Amino acid sequence: METLETLSELLETTGDIQSIVRTMKSLSAVSIRQYEQAEKAIAGYEKTIDLGFSALLQDRRARGLPLPMTIDATSQAEVLIVVGSDRGLCGRYNEIVARFAEENLDDGTAVLAVIGARTAARLEAVGRNPDRLFLQPGSVAGLGSLVQSVIVEIERWTRGPGVGRVRLIYNRREGRSLAVPVERVLLPIPDTYLAGRVAAGWPGPGLPFFRMEPERLLSWLVRQRLFVVLYQALAEAFSSEHATRLAAMQSAERNIRERREDLNAAYRRKRQETITRELLDLVSGFEAVTGSPE
């Protein structure tokens, strides 16, 4: 049976939870904005890398060379990188990306890498143990370091023969959907992109002059494009995660508000019942004391 003390404690606990939910809402809203700004900031550097590819590929065409190979694509083995989350309270975010990754895993997947411990746990639950686990950065400031760590591992995986493709799977927002799983090929760089850079030409009257050996320049440009693509994808993924968490917290806040209203109503009823009972006890006692003897 609920007492005034019990209802009071429940109201206090619900108020504390409501404060936590409001704080998480604020943090998610701020984080979404930060990751969106980070994604926009890298766009300028992306244009620089595109111009670098244009200059190199125009030079190769002038020398009668074909489009370069950015990875040994003769092998059918591949690396699959899945981007998830280390933290919960984000709805079905990890479930969505883990299920999509599971559907895209096959016997040709030589290496499975996962960013986010919760997604890794979901894949382990279905018998897909990650070969490499990366932890999610606590804020947008750690995004660059994470990207560099992933690139170092990609270079190690693809240095020798055996890996002919690197794919990335992550969630991003599309329209009103907060977490839509998408796949992106990191390596080899698509021929459509390379052909597009050749067709784009050079914006100035003449091609720039470069001193670096073409093969070394190509290797550097591939690495920088990997950085840009990974940075953009991770910014999209983490923005999607916080958007999903924000929606979950908004739903939780509505439920908590309704719960507090119910508890307040129950508290008022119980308090009125207690006051009424005490008044009746007083009246009965008074009548018992002042009543005339028979």
C-alpha atoms as a PDB file:
ATOM      1  CA  MET A   1       0.000   0.000   0.000  1.00  0.00           C
ATOM      2  CA  GLU A   2       1.373   3.390  -0.994  1.00  0.00           C
ATOM      3  CA  THR A   3       1.914   5.891   1.795  1.00  0.00           C
ATOM      4  CA  LEU A   4       2.620   9.614   1.690  1.00  0.00           C
ATOM      5  CA  GLU A   5       6.285   8.883   2.403  1.00  0.00           C
ATOM      6  CA  THR A   6       6.490   6.372  -0.454  1.00  0.00           C
ATOM      7  CA  LEU A   7       4.805   8.720  -2.914  1.00  0.00           C
ATOM      8  CA  SER A   8       7.055  11.572  -1.823  1.00  0.00           C
ATOM      9  CA  GLU A   9      10.166   9.455  -2.444  1.00  0.00           C
ATOM     10  CA  LEU A  10       8.852   8.423  -5.871  1.00  0.00           C
ATOM     11  CA  LEU A  11       8.243  12.059  -6.791  1.00  0.00           C
ATOM     12  CA  GLU A  12      11.764  12.985  -5.716  1.00  0.00           C
ATOM     13  CA  THR A  13      13.308  10.109  -7.692  1.00  0.00           C
ATOM     14  CA  THR A  14      11.260  10.956 -10.781  1.00  0.00           C
ATOM     15  CA  GLY A  15      12.393  14.570 -10.515  1.00  0.00           C
ATOM     16  CA  ASP A  16      16.047  13.467 -10.394  1.00  0.00           C
ATOM     17  CA  ILE A  17      15.568  11.274 -13.464  1.00  0.00           C
ATOM     18  CA  GLN A  18      13.879  14.152 -15.273  1.00  0.00           C
ATOM     19  CA  SER A  19      16.888  16.375 -14.548  1.00  0.00           C
ATOM     20  CA  ILE A  20      19.248  13.733 -15.952  1.00  0.00           C
ATOM     21  CA  VAL A  21      17.123  13.365 -19.085  1.00  0.00           C
ATOM     22  CA  ARG A  22      17.114  17.133 -19.619  1.00  0.00           C
ATOM     23  CA  THR A  23      20.897  17.230 -19.264  1.00  0.00           C
ATOM     24  CA  MET A  24      21.335  14.418 -21.788  1.00  0.00           C
ATOM     25  CA  LYS A  25      18.994  16.200 -24.177  1.00  0.00           C
ATOM     26  CA  SER A  26      21.105  19.339 -23.973  1.00  0.00           C
ATOM     27  CA  LEU A  27      24.368  17.420 -24.458  1.00  0.00           C
ATOM     28  CA  SER A  28      22.983  15.572 -27.489  1.00  0.00           C
ATOM     29  CA  ALA A  29      21.686  18.781 -29.073  1.00  0.00           C
ATOM     30  CA  VAL A  30      25.093  20.460 -28.615  1.00  0.00           C
ATOM     31  CA  SER A  31      26.946  17.389 -29.928  1.00  0.00           C
ATOM     32  CA  ILE A  32      24.791  17.231 -33.058  1.00  0.00           C
ATOM     33  CA  ARG A  33      25.673  20.822 -33.857  1.00  0.00           C
ATOM     34  CA  GLN A  34      29.389  20.225 -33.251  1.00  0.00           C
ATOM     35  CA  TYR A  35      29.551  17.173 -35.533  1.00  0.00           C
ATOM     36  CA  GLU A  36      27.605  18.989 -38.243  1.00  0.00           C
ATOM     37  CA  GLN A  37      30.090  21.873 -38.057  1.00  0.00           C
ATOM     38  CA  ALA A  38      33.018  19.420 -38.207  1.00  0.00           C
ATOM     39  CA  GLU A  39      31.555  17.845 -41.333  1.00  0.00           C
ATOM     40  CA  LYS A  40      31.230  21.248 -42.992  1.00  0.00           C
ATOM     41  CA  ALA A  41      34.746  22.257 -41.937  1.00  0.00           C
ATOM     42  CA  ILE A  42      36.373  19.278 -43.675  1.00  0.00           C
ATOM     43  CA  ALA A  43      34.608  20.134 -46.947  1.00  0.00           C
ATOM     44  CA  GLY A  44      37.194  22.809 -47.743  1.00  0.00           C
ATOM     45  CA  TYR A  45      40.056  20.349 -47.355  1.00  0.00           C
ATOM     46  CA  GLU A  46      38.151  17.863 -49.518  1.00  0.00           C
ATOM     47  CA  LYS A  47      38.197  20.380 -52.375  1.00  0.00           C
ATOM     48  CA  THR A  48      41.976  20.721 -51.980  1.00  0.00           C
ATOM     49  CA  ILE A  49      42.434  16.939 -52.261  1.00  0.00           C
ATOM     50  CA  ASP A  50      40.147  16.864 -55.304  1.00  0.00           C
ATOM     51  CA  LEU A  51      42.342  19.484 -56.979  1.00  0.00           C
ATOM     52  CA  GLY A  52      45.424  17.428 -56.128  1.00  0.00           C
ATOM     53  CA  PHE A  53      43.918  14.394 -57.855  1.00  0.00           C
ATOM     54  CA  SER A  54      42.977  16.531 -60.836  1.00  0.00           C
ATOM     55  CA  ALA A  55      46.540  17.802 -61.235  1.00  0.00           C
ATOM     56  CA  LEU A  56      48.070  14.324 -60.895  1.00  0.00           C
ATOM     57  CA  LEU A  57      45.588  12.624 -63.221  1.00  0.00           C
ATOM     58  CA  GLN A  58      45.882  15.345 -65.846  1.00  0.00           C
ATOM     59  CA  ASP A  59      49.643  14.811 -65.786  1.00  0.00           C
ATOM     60  CA  ARG A  60      49.176  11.043 -66.175  1.00  0.00           C
ATOM     61  CA  ARG A  61      46.839  11.564 -69.120  1.00  0.00           C
ATOM     62  CA  ALA A  62      49.358  13.889 -70.778  1.00  0.00           C
ATOM     63  CA  ARG A  63      51.936  11.094 -70.478  1.00  0.00           C
ATOM     64  CA  GLY A  64      49.504   8.536 -71.906  1.00  0.00           C
ATOM     65  CA  LEU A  65      49.085   6.606 -68.638  1.00  0.00           C
ATOM     66  CA  PRO A  66      45.790   4.951 -67.573  1.00  0.00           C
ATOM     67  CA  LEU A  67      43.924   5.578 -64.343  1.00  0.00           C
ATOM     68  CA  PRO A  68      46.036   4.413 -61.390  1.00  0.00           C
ATOM     69  CA  MET A  69      45.275   1.443 -59.133  1.00  0.00           C
ATOM     70  CA  THR A  70      44.797   2.600 -55.536  1.00  0.00           C
ATOM     71  CA  ILE A  71      44.865  -0.958 -54.124  1.00  0.00           C
ATOM     72  CA  ASP A  72      45.673  -4.437 -55.382  1.00  0.00           C
ATOM     73  CA  ALA A  73      42.140  -5.343 -56.430  1.00  0.00           C
ATOM     74  CA  THR A  74      43.025  -8.819 -57.725  1.00  0.00           C
ATOM     75  CA  SER A  75      42.107 -10.395 -54.380  1.00  0.00           C
ATOM     76  CA  GLN A  76      38.500 -10.995 -53.372  1.00  0.00           C
ATOM     77  CA  ALA A  77      39.231 -10.631 -49.634  1.00  0.00           C
ATOM     78  CA  GLU A  78      38.044  -7.452 -47.964  1.00  0.00           C
ATOM     79  CA  VAL A  79      38.079  -5.406 -44.780  1.00  0.00           C
ATOM     80  CA  LEU A  80      34.743  -4.351 -43.317  1.00  0.00           C
ATOM     81  CA  ILE A  81      34.622  -1.449 -40.845  1.00  0.00           C
ATOM     82  CA  VAL A  82      31.400  -0.986 -38.875  1.00  0.00           C
ATOM     83  CA  VAL A  83      30.689   2.260 -37.018  1.00  0.00           C
ATOM     84  CA  GLY A  84      28.486   2.008 -33.932  1.00  0.00           C
ATOM     85  CA  SER A  85      28.403   3.438 -30.429  1.00  0.00           C
ATOM     86  CA  ASP A  86      30.044   2.941 -27.047  1.00  0.00           C
ATOM     87  CA  ARG A  87      27.092   4.436 -25.167  1.00  0.00           C
ATOM     88  CA  GLY A  88      23.472   3.411 -24.879  1.00  0.00           C
ATOM     89  CA  LEU A  89      20.162   5.259 -24.508  1.00  0.00           C
ATOM     90  CA  CYS A  90      20.072   5.813 -28.275  1.00  0.00           C
ATOM     91  CA  GLY A  91      17.121   3.659 -29.262  1.00  0.00           C
ATOM     92  CA  ARG A  92      17.757   1.029 -31.943  1.00  0.00           C
ATOM     93  CA  TYR A  93      20.850   2.787 -33.313  1.00  0.00           C
ATOM     94  CA  ASN A  94      23.296  -0.066 -32.618  1.00  0.00           C
ATOM     95  CA  GLU A  95      20.784  -2.759 -33.505  1.00  0.00           C
ATOM     96  CA  ILE A  96      20.173  -1.213 -36.942  1.00  0.00           C
ATOM     97  CA  VAL A  97      23.822  -0.934 -37.962  1.00  0.00           C
ATOM     98  CA  ALA A  98      24.763  -4.340 -36.473  1.00  0.00           C
ATOM     99  CA  ARG A  99      21.981  -6.107 -38.352  1.00  0.00           C
ATOM    100  CA  PHE A 100      22.952  -4.385 -41.621  1.00  0.00           C
ATOM    101  CA  ALA A 101      26.595  -5.351 -41.086  1.00  0.00           C
ATOM    102  CA  GLU A 102      25.636  -8.961 -40.353  1.00  0.00           C
ATOM    103  CA  GLU A 103      23.721  -9.125 -43.639  1.00  0.00           C
ATOM    104  CA  ASN A 104      26.763  -7.811 -45.537  1.00  0.00           C
ATOM    105  CA  LEU A 105      29.324 -10.145 -43.979  1.00  0.00           C
ATOM    106  CA  ASP A 106      30.411 -13.127 -46.067  1.00  0.00           C
ATOM    107  CA  ASP A 107      33.258 -15.601 -46.422  1.00  0.00           C
ATOM    108  CA  GLY A 108      35.312 -12.978 -48.250  1.00  0.00           C
ATOM    109  CA  THR A 109      35.522 -10.743 -45.178  1.00  0.00           C
ATOM    110  CA  ALA A 110      39.105 -11.196 -44.001  1.00  0.00           C
ATOM    111  CA  VAL A 111      39.027  -8.507 -41.311  1.00  0.00           C
ATOM    112  CA  LEU A 112      36.076  -7.177 -39.301  1.00  0.00           C
ATOM    113  CA  ALA A 113      36.754  -3.913 -37.472  1.00  0.00           C
ATOM    114  CA  VAL A 114      34.210  -2.184 -35.256  1.00  0.00           C
ATOM    115  CA  ILE A 115      34.062   1.318 -33.815  1.00  0.00           C
ATOM    116  CA  GLY A 116      31.895   1.163 -30.684  1.00  0.00           C
ATOM    117  CA  ALA A 117      31.784  -1.475 -27.944  1.00  0.00           C
ATOM    118  CA  ARG A 118      27.987  -1.884 -27.983  1.00  0.00           C
ATOM    119  CA  THR A 119      27.886  -2.683 -31.685  1.00  0.00           C
ATOM    120  CA  ALA A 120      30.783  -5.096 -31.226  1.00  0.00           C
ATOM    121  CA  ALA A 121      28.837  -6.869 -28.466  1.00  0.00           C
ATOM    122  CA  ARG A 122      25.808  -7.257 -30.743  1.00  0.00           C
ATOM    123  CA  LEU A 123      27.955  -8.765 -33.494  1.00  0.00           C
ATOM    124  CA  GLU A 124      29.627 -11.114 -31.003  1.00  0.00           C
ATOM    125  CA  ALA A 125      26.171 -12.265 -29.897  1.00  0.00           C
ATOM    126  CA  VAL A 126      25.512 -13.596 -33.417  1.00  0.00           C
ATOM    127  CA  GLY A 127      28.929 -15.224 -33.720  1.00  0.00           C
ATOM    128  CA  ARG A 128      30.711 -12.417 -35.604  1.00  0.00           C
ATOM    129  CA  ASN A 129      33.681 -11.587 -33.399  1.00  0.00           C
ATOM    130  CA  PRO A 130      35.497  -8.362 -34.401  1.00  0.00           C
ATOM    131  CA  ASP A 131      39.189  -8.605 -35.220  1.00  0.00           C
ATOM    132  CA  ARG A 132      39.783  -5.008 -34.132  1.00  0.00           C
ATOM    133  CA  LEU A 133      37.797  -2.763 -31.800  1.00  0.00           C
ATOM    134  CA  PHE A 134      38.124   1.026 -31.751  1.00  0.00           C
ATOM    135  CA  LEU A 135      36.615   3.075 -28.932  1.00  0.00           C
ATOM    136  CA  GLN A 136      34.444   6.059 -29.758  1.00  0.00           C
ATOM    137  CA  PRO A 137      35.864   9.519 -28.928  1.00  0.00           C
ATOM    138  CA  GLY A 138      34.209  11.429 -26.126  1.00  0.00           C
ATOM    139  CA  SER A 139      33.765  14.538 -28.247  1.00  0.00           C
ATOM    140  CA  VAL A 140      34.375  15.980 -31.692  1.00  0.00           C
ATOM    141  CA  ALA A 141      37.910  16.945 -30.578  1.00  0.00           C
ATOM    142  CA  GLY A 142      38.952  13.274 -30.653  1.00  0.00           C
ATOM    143  CA  LEU A 143      37.560  12.603 -34.110  1.00  0.00           C
ATOM    144  CA  GLY A 144      40.804  13.312 -35.958  1.00  0.00           C
ATOM    145  CA  SER A 145      42.828  10.972 -33.721  1.00  0.00           C
ATOM    146  CA  LEU A 146      40.342   8.159 -34.259  1.00  0.00           C
ATOM    147  CA  VAL A 147      40.466   8.617 -38.041  1.00  0.00           C
ATOM    148  CA  GLN A 148      44.278   8.511 -37.994  1.00  0.00           C
ATOM    149  CA  SER A 149      44.220   5.289 -35.948  1.00  0.00           C
ATOM    150  CA  VAL A 150      41.830   3.648 -38.407  1.00  0.00           C
ATOM    151  CA  ILE A 151      43.965   4.708 -41.393  1.00  0.00           C
ATOM    152  CA  VAL A 152      47.087   3.230 -39.788  1.00  0.00           C
ATOM    153  CA  GLU A 153      45.281  -0.095 -39.431  1.00  0.00           C
ATOM    154  CA  ILE A 154      43.947   0.063 -43.008  1.00  0.00           C
ATOM    155  CA  GLU A 155      47.491   0.549 -44.287  1.00  0.00           C
ATOM    156  CA  ARG A 156      48.666  -2.420 -42.232  1.00  0.00           C
ATOM    157  CA  TRP A 157      45.833  -4.641 -43.528  1.00  0.00           C
ATOM    158  CA  THR A 158      46.386  -3.680 -47.172  1.00  0.00           C
ATOM    159  CA  ARG A 159      50.197  -3.500 -47.173  1.00  0.00           C
ATOM    160  CA  GLY A 160      50.630  -7.108 -48.207  1.00  0.00           C
ATOM    161  CA  PRO A 161      48.721  -9.133 -50.790  1.00  0.00           C
ATOM    162  CA  GLY A 162      45.360 -10.603 -49.903  1.00  0.00           C
ATOM    163  CA  VAL A 163      43.017  -7.636 -49.322  1.00  0.00           C
ATOM    164  CA  GLY A 164      41.431  -6.117 -52.396  1.00  0.00           C
ATOM    165  CA  ARG A 165      38.683  -3.934 -50.908  1.00  0.00           C
ATOM    166  CA  VAL A 166      37.877  -1.884 -47.793  1.00  0.00           C
ATOM    167  CA  ARG A 167      34.233  -1.106 -47.008  1.00  0.00           C
ATOM    168  CA  LEU A 168      32.636   1.109 -44.369  1.00  0.00           C
ATOM    169  CA  ILE A 169      29.164   0.661 -42.844  1.00  0.00           C
ATOM    170  CA  TYR A 170      27.560   3.317 -40.652  1.00  0.00           C
ATOM    171  CA  ASN A 171      24.279   5.058 -39.818  1.00  0.00           C
ATOM    172  CA  ARG A 172      23.352   8.501 -41.051  1.00  0.00           C
ATOM    173  CA  ARG A 173      20.270  10.698 -40.997  1.00  0.00           C
ATOM    174  CA  GLU A 174      18.129  10.784 -44.112  1.00  0.00           C
ATOM    175  CA  GLY A 175      15.007  12.941 -44.108  1.00  0.00           C
ATOM    176  CA  ARG A 176      12.937  12.196 -41.029  1.00  0.00           C
ATOM    177  CA  SER A 177      14.763   8.900 -40.385  1.00  0.00           C
ATOM    178  CA  LEU A 178      17.407   9.335 -37.709  1.00  0.00           C
ATOM    179  CA  ALA A 179      19.461   6.186 -38.381  1.00  0.00           C
ATOM    180  CA  VAL A 180      19.642   4.706 -41.886  1.00  0.00           C
ATOM    181  CA  PRO A 181      22.453   2.180 -42.504  1.00  0.00           C
ATOM    182  CA  VAL A 182      24.638   2.931 -45.532  1.00  0.00           C
ATOM    183  CA  GLU A 183      27.694   1.349 -47.109  1.00  0.00           C
ATOM    184  CA  ARG A 184      30.655   3.148 -48.628  1.00  0.00           C
ATOM    185  CA  VAL A 185      33.690   1.721 -50.432  1.00  0.00           C
ATOM    186  CA  LEU A 186      36.917   3.278 -49.123  1.00  0.00           C
ATOM    187  CA  LEU A 187      39.358   1.332 -51.273  1.00  0.00           C
ATOM    188  CA  PRO A 188      39.841   1.010 -54.143  1.00  0.00           C
ATOM    189  CA  ILE A 189      38.913   4.585 -54.927  1.00  0.00           C
ATOM    190  CA  PRO A 190      36.075   4.253 -57.478  1.00  0.00           C
ATOM    191  CA  ASP A 191      37.076   4.729 -61.110  1.00  0.00           C
ATOM    192  CA  THR A 192      34.050   7.011 -61.476  1.00  0.00           C
ATOM    193  CA  TYR A 193      35.664   9.436 -59.024  1.00  0.00           C
ATOM    194  CA  LEU A 194      39.047   9.290 -60.771  1.00  0.00           C
ATOM    195  CA  ALA A 195      37.466   9.693 -64.214  1.00  0.00           C
ATOM    196  CA  GLY A 196      35.452  12.599 -62.871  1.00  0.00           C
ATOM    197  CA  ARG A 197      38.612  14.349 -61.686  1.00  0.00           C
ATOM    198  CA  VAL A 198      40.110  13.913 -65.159  1.00  0.00           C
ATOM    199  CA  ALA A 199      36.972  15.269 -66.810  1.00  0.00           C
ATOM    200  CA  ALA A 200      36.828  18.195 -64.367  1.00  0.00           C
ATOM    201  CA  GLY A 201      40.123  19.504 -65.646  1.00  0.00           C
ATOM    202  CA  TRP A 202      42.036  22.251 -63.867  1.00  0.00           C
ATOM    203  CA  PRO A 203      40.308  25.526 -62.944  1.00  0.00           C
ATOM    204  CA  GLY A 204      43.304  27.661 -63.896  1.00  0.00           C
ATOM    205  CA  PRO A 205      44.886  28.413 -67.290  1.00  0.00           C
ATOM    206  CA  GLY A 206      47.709  25.896 -66.762  1.00  0.00           C
ATOM    207  CA  LEU A 207      48.428  22.787 -64.701  1.00  0.00           C
ATOM    208  CA  PRO A 208      50.418  23.254 -61.466  1.00  0.00           C
ATOM    209  CA  PHE A 209      53.973  21.984 -61.212  1.00  0.00           C
ATOM    210  CA  PHE A 210      54.843  19.384 -58.581  1.00  0.00           C
ATOM    211  CA  ARG A 211      58.253  18.051 -57.578  1.00  0.00           C
ATOM    212  CA  MET A 212      57.199  14.940 -55.664  1.00  0.00           C
ATOM    213  CA  GLU A 213      57.428  11.634 -57.487  1.00  0.00           C
ATOM    214  CA  PRO A 214      54.015  10.806 -58.999  1.00  0.00           C
ATOM    215  CA  GLU A 215      53.719   7.474 -57.155  1.00  0.00           C
ATOM    216  CA  ARG A 216      54.515   9.071 -53.807  1.00  0.00           C
ATOM    217  CA  LEU A 217      52.089  11.904 -54.521  1.00  0.00           C
ATOM    218  CA  LEU A 218      49.393   9.380 -55.447  1.00  0.00           C
ATOM    219  CA  SER A 219      49.976   7.469 -52.212  1.00  0.00           C
ATOM    220  CA  TRP A 220      49.739  10.699 -50.194  1.00  0.00           C
ATOM    221  CA  LEU A 221      46.555  11.809 -51.978  1.00  0.00           C
ATOM    222  CA  VAL A 222      44.922   8.399 -51.406  1.00  0.00           C
ATOM    223  CA  ARG A 223      45.747   8.626 -47.702  1.00  0.00           C
ATOM    224  CA  GLN A 224      44.351  12.147 -47.438  1.00  0.00           C
ATOM    225  CA  ARG A 225      41.179  11.177 -49.288  1.00  0.00           C
ATOM    226  CA  LEU A 226      40.770   8.272 -46.856  1.00  0.00           C
ATOM    227  CA  PHE A 227      41.077  10.784 -44.019  1.00  0.00           C
ATOM    228  CA  VAL A 228      38.417  13.064 -45.526  1.00  0.00           C
ATOM    229  CA  VAL A 229      35.958  10.269 -46.321  1.00  0.00           C
ATOM    230  CA  LEU A 230      36.364   8.618 -42.912  1.00  0.00           C
ATOM    231  CA  TYR A 231      36.112  11.946 -41.092  1.00  0.00           C
ATOM    232  CA  GLN A 232      32.901  12.839 -42.930  1.00  0.00           C
ATOM    233  CA  ALA A 233      31.398   9.376 -42.366  1.00  0.00           C
ATOM    234  CA  LEU A 234      32.203   9.344 -38.653  1.00  0.00           C
ATOM    235  CA  ALA A 235      30.832  12.856 -38.214  1.00  0.00           C
ATOM    236  CA  GLU A 236      27.611  11.744 -39.941  1.00  0.00           C
ATOM    237  CA  ALA A 237      27.431   8.572 -37.839  1.00  0.00           C
ATOM    238  CA  PHE A 238      27.967  10.289 -34.491  1.00  0.00           C
ATOM    239  CA  SER A 239      25.546  13.057 -35.428  1.00  0.00           C
ATOM    240  CA  SER A 240      22.979  10.359 -36.229  1.00  0.00           C
ATOM    241  CA  GLU A 241      23.682   8.679 -32.888  1.00  0.00           C
ATOM    242  CA  HIS A 242      23.077  11.869 -30.926  1.00  0.00           C
ATOM    243  CA  ALA A 243      19.958  12.639 -32.961  1.00  0.00           C
ATOM    244  CA  THR A 244      18.616   9.187 -32.082  1.00  0.00           C
ATOM    245  CA  ARG A 245      19.509   9.715 -28.423  1.00  0.00           C
ATOM    246  CA  LEU A 246      17.847  13.143 -28.458  1.00  0.00           C
ATOM    247  CA  ALA A 247      14.636  11.598 -29.808  1.00  0.00           C
ATOM    248  CA  ALA A 248      14.799   8.859 -27.156  1.00  0.00           C
ATOM    249  CA  MET A 249      15.282  11.438 -24.395  1.00  0.00           C
ATOM    250  CA  GLN A 250      12.370  13.523 -25.686  1.00  0.00           C
ATOM    251  CA  SER A 251      10.152  10.449 -25.547  1.00  0.00           C
ATOM    252  CA  ALA A 252      11.438   9.613 -22.073  1.00  0.00           C
ATOM    253  CA  GLU A 253      10.779  13.164 -20.904  1.00  0.00           C
ATOM    254  CA  ARG A 254       7.160  12.941 -22.043  1.00  0.00           C
ATOM    255  CA  ASN A 255       6.731   9.653 -20.184  1.00  0.00           C
ATOM    256  CA  ILE A 256       8.337  11.078 -17.052  1.00  0.00           C
ATOM    257  CA  ARG A 257       6.112  14.161 -17.211  1.00  0.00           C
ATOM    258  CA  GLU A 258       3.023  11.938 -17.404  1.00  0.00           C
ATOM    259  CA  ARG A 259       4.342   9.808 -14.556  1.00  0.00           C
ATOM    260  CA  ARG A 260       4.929  12.865 -12.376  1.00  0.00           C
ATOM    261  CA  GLU A 261       1.383  14.073 -13.046  1.00  0.00           C
ATOM    262  CA  ASP A 262       0.025  10.670 -12.000  1.00  0.00           C
ATOM    263  CA  LEU A 263       2.183  10.648  -8.870  1.00  0.00           C
ATOM    264  CA  ASN A 264       1.171  14.204  -7.965  1.00  0.00           C
ATOM    265  CA  ALA A 265      -2.498  13.287  -8.338  1.00  0.00           C
ATOM    266  CA  ALA A 266      -2.012  10.166  -6.202  1.00  0.00           C
ATOM    267  CA  TYR A 267      -0.092  12.187  -3.611  1.00  0.00           C
ATOM    268  CA  ARG A 268      -2.864  14.783  -3.388  1.00  0.00           C
ATOM    269  CA  ARG A 269      -5.537  12.081  -3.026  1.00  0.00           C
ATOM    270  CA  LYS A 270      -3.536  10.274  -0.357  1.00  0.00           C
ATOM    271  CA  ARG A 271      -2.874  13.495   1.514  1.00  0.00           C
ATOM    272  CA  GLN A 272      -6.576  14.404   1.438  1.00  0.00           C
ATOM    273  CA  GLU A 273      -7.484  10.917   2.653  1.00  0.00           C
ATOM    274  CA  THR A 274      -4.983  11.241   5.490  1.00  0.00           C
ATOM    275  CA  ILE A 275      -6.295  14.678   6.514  1.00  0.00           C
ATOM    276  CA  THR A 276      -9.895  13.472   6.356  1.00  0.00           C
ATOM    277  CA  ARG A 277      -9.092  10.395   8.455  1.00  0.00           C
ATOM    278  CA  GLU A 278      -7.275  12.476  11.059  1.00  0.00           C
ATOM    279  CA  LEU A 279     -10.199  14.931  11.261  1.00  0.00           C
ATOM    280  CA  LEU A 280     -12.648  12.073  11.712  1.00  0.00           C
ATOM    281  CA  ASP A 281     -10.451  10.646  14.448  1.00  0.00           C
ATOM    282  CA  LEU A 282     -10.441  14.032  16.201  1.00  0.00           C
ATOM    283  CA  VAL A 283     -14.210  14.417  15.938  1.00  0.00           C
ATOM    284  CA  SER A 284     -14.795  10.883  17.167  1.00  0.00           C
ATOM    285  CA  GLY A 285     -12.429  11.432  20.083  1.00  0.00           C
ATOM    286  CA  PHE A 286     -14.046  14.731  20.982  1.00  0.00           C
ATOM    287  CA  GLU A 287     -17.517  13.178  20.913  1.00  0.00           C
ATOM    288  CA  ALA A 288     -16.299  10.279  23.040  1.00  0.00           C
ATOM    289  CA  VAL A 289     -14.887  12.655  25.659  1.00  0.00           C
ATOM    290  CA  THR A 290     -17.771  15.173  25.762  1.00  0.00           C
ATOM    291  CA  GLY A 291     -20.643  12.722  25.228  1.00  0.00           C
ATOM    292  CA  SER A 292     -23.322  12.495  28.033  1.00  0.00           C
ATOM    293  CA  PRO A 293     -23.296   9.268  30.082  1.00  0.00           C
ATOM    294  CA  GLU A 294     -26.332   7.054  29.633  1.00  0.00           C
END
